[in-house]
Amino acid sequence: MKLQLKFRGATTATHRQRVIERVTHAGAAAVRPLFPNEKDKELAALYIVDIDDPECQAAIRSLLSGEPYVEFVEGEVQRKLKSPAQSSEG
């Protein structure tokens, strides 16, 4: 499972790293930028939290919700995308 988060605009790289370390210590498998190497500050502030243990999800979400450097945290949106072949069939 995954969570998406956005760091606040004024968050420094040091503060981001501290939040990532706390989330990893709480059980996240990985915390990674949604758009690696992005120059746009808004897009560069978006991250994905990978969680392998379902029992950790609530604790990690709670931890992130309480972080002053995190603008929002939400579950990953489940999309039902169709391939072009499926679109032409239906």
Protein backbone atom coordinates (compact mmCIF):
# COMPACT_ATOMS: atom_id res chain seq x y z
CA MET A 1 0.00 0.00 0.00
CA LYS A 2 1.04 3.58 -0.51
CA LEU A 3 0.44 7.02 0.95
CA GLN A 4 1.05 10.28 -0.85
CA LEU A 5 2.32 13.33 0.97
CA LYS A 6 3.31 16.87 0.20
CA PHE A 7 5.89 18.80 2.17
CA ARG A 8 5.18 22.45 2.92
CA GLY A 9 6.95 24.97 0.69
CA ALA A 10 9.37 26.28 3.32
CA THR A 11 10.56 22.82 4.38
CA THR A 12 14.33 22.46 4.15
CA ALA A 13 16.10 19.36 2.86
CA THR A 14 17.24 18.65 6.43
CA HIS A 15 13.67 18.73 7.76
CA ARG A 16 12.47 16.50 4.91
CA GLN A 17 15.19 14.00 5.72
CA ARG A 18 14.22 13.97 9.41
CA VAL A 19 10.58 13.29 8.55
CA ILE A 20 11.62 10.53 6.15
CA GLU A 21 13.81 8.96 8.86
CA ARG A 22 10.91 9.01 11.38
CA VAL A 23 8.51 7.45 8.86
CA THR A 24 11.03 4.77 7.93
CA HIS A 25 11.63 4.03 11.62
CA ALA A 26 7.83 3.72 12.06
CA GLY A 27 7.74 0.94 9.47
CA ALA A 28 7.63 2.45 5.99
CA ALA A 29 9.43 0.32 3.41
CA ALA A 30 10.48 3.41 1.43
CA VAL A 31 9.83 7.13 1.09
CA ARG A 32 10.57 8.54 -2.34
CA PRO A 33 9.83 11.59 -4.46
CA LEU A 34 6.88 11.22 -6.78
CA PHE A 35 8.84 13.19 -9.40
CA PRO A 36 12.57 12.51 -8.92
CA ASN A 37 14.93 15.32 -9.98
CA GLU A 38 12.02 17.72 -10.50
CA LYS A 39 12.96 21.42 -10.56
CA ASP A 40 9.44 22.75 -9.95
CA LYS A 41 9.13 23.25 -6.17
CA GLU A 42 5.47 22.20 -6.00
CA LEU A 43 6.07 18.93 -7.83
CA ALA A 44 9.34 18.27 -5.98
CA ALA A 45 7.45 18.46 -2.67
CA LEU A 46 5.28 15.42 -3.54
CA TYR A 47 6.39 12.07 -2.12
CA ILE A 48 5.20 8.45 -2.03
CA VAL A 49 5.41 6.35 1.14
CA ASP A 50 5.54 2.61 0.44
CA ILE A 51 4.16 0.47 3.28
CA ASP A 52 4.55 -3.31 3.22
CA ASP A 53 2.95 -4.00 6.62
CA PRO A 54 -0.76 -3.04 6.66
CA GLU A 55 -0.64 -2.73 10.45
CA CYS A 56 1.80 0.20 10.13
CA GLN A 57 -0.37 2.31 7.81
CA ALA A 58 -2.51 3.99 10.51
CA ALA A 59 0.53 4.78 12.66
CA ILE A 60 2.45 6.23 9.72
CA ARG A 61 -0.52 8.29 8.57
CA SER A 62 -0.96 9.62 12.10
CA LEU A 63 2.74 10.46 12.38
CA LEU A 64 2.68 12.34 9.07
CA SER A 65 -0.56 14.16 9.92
CA GLY A 66 1.13 15.54 13.03
CA GLU A 67 4.24 16.75 11.23
CA PRO A 68 4.43 20.54 10.90
CA TYR A 69 6.44 20.16 7.66
CA VAL A 70 3.78 18.03 5.92
CA GLU A 71 1.01 19.90 4.10
CA PHE A 72 -1.12 16.80 3.54
CA VAL A 73 -1.06 13.01 3.58
CA GLU A 74 -3.60 10.83 1.80
CA GLY A 75 -4.08 7.32 0.51
CA GLU A 76 -3.03 6.61 -3.03
CA VAL A 77 -5.83 7.15 -5.51
CA GLN A 78 -6.92 3.93 -7.18
CA ARG A 79 -7.45 4.55 -10.88
CA LYS A 80 -9.15 2.27 -13.36
CA LEU A 81 -7.28 3.05 -16.54
CA LYS A 82 -8.16 1.39 -19.80
CA SER A 83 -5.70 0.59 -22.51
CA PRO A 84 -6.46 2.01 -26.00
CA ALA A 85 -7.53 -1.50 -27.09
CA GLN A 86 -10.06 -1.70 -24.24
CA SER A 87 -11.42 1.74 -25.04
CA SER A 88 -12.16 0.84 -28.65
CA GLU A 89 -13.89 -2.40 -27.63
CA GLY A 90 -16.34 -0.83 -25.23
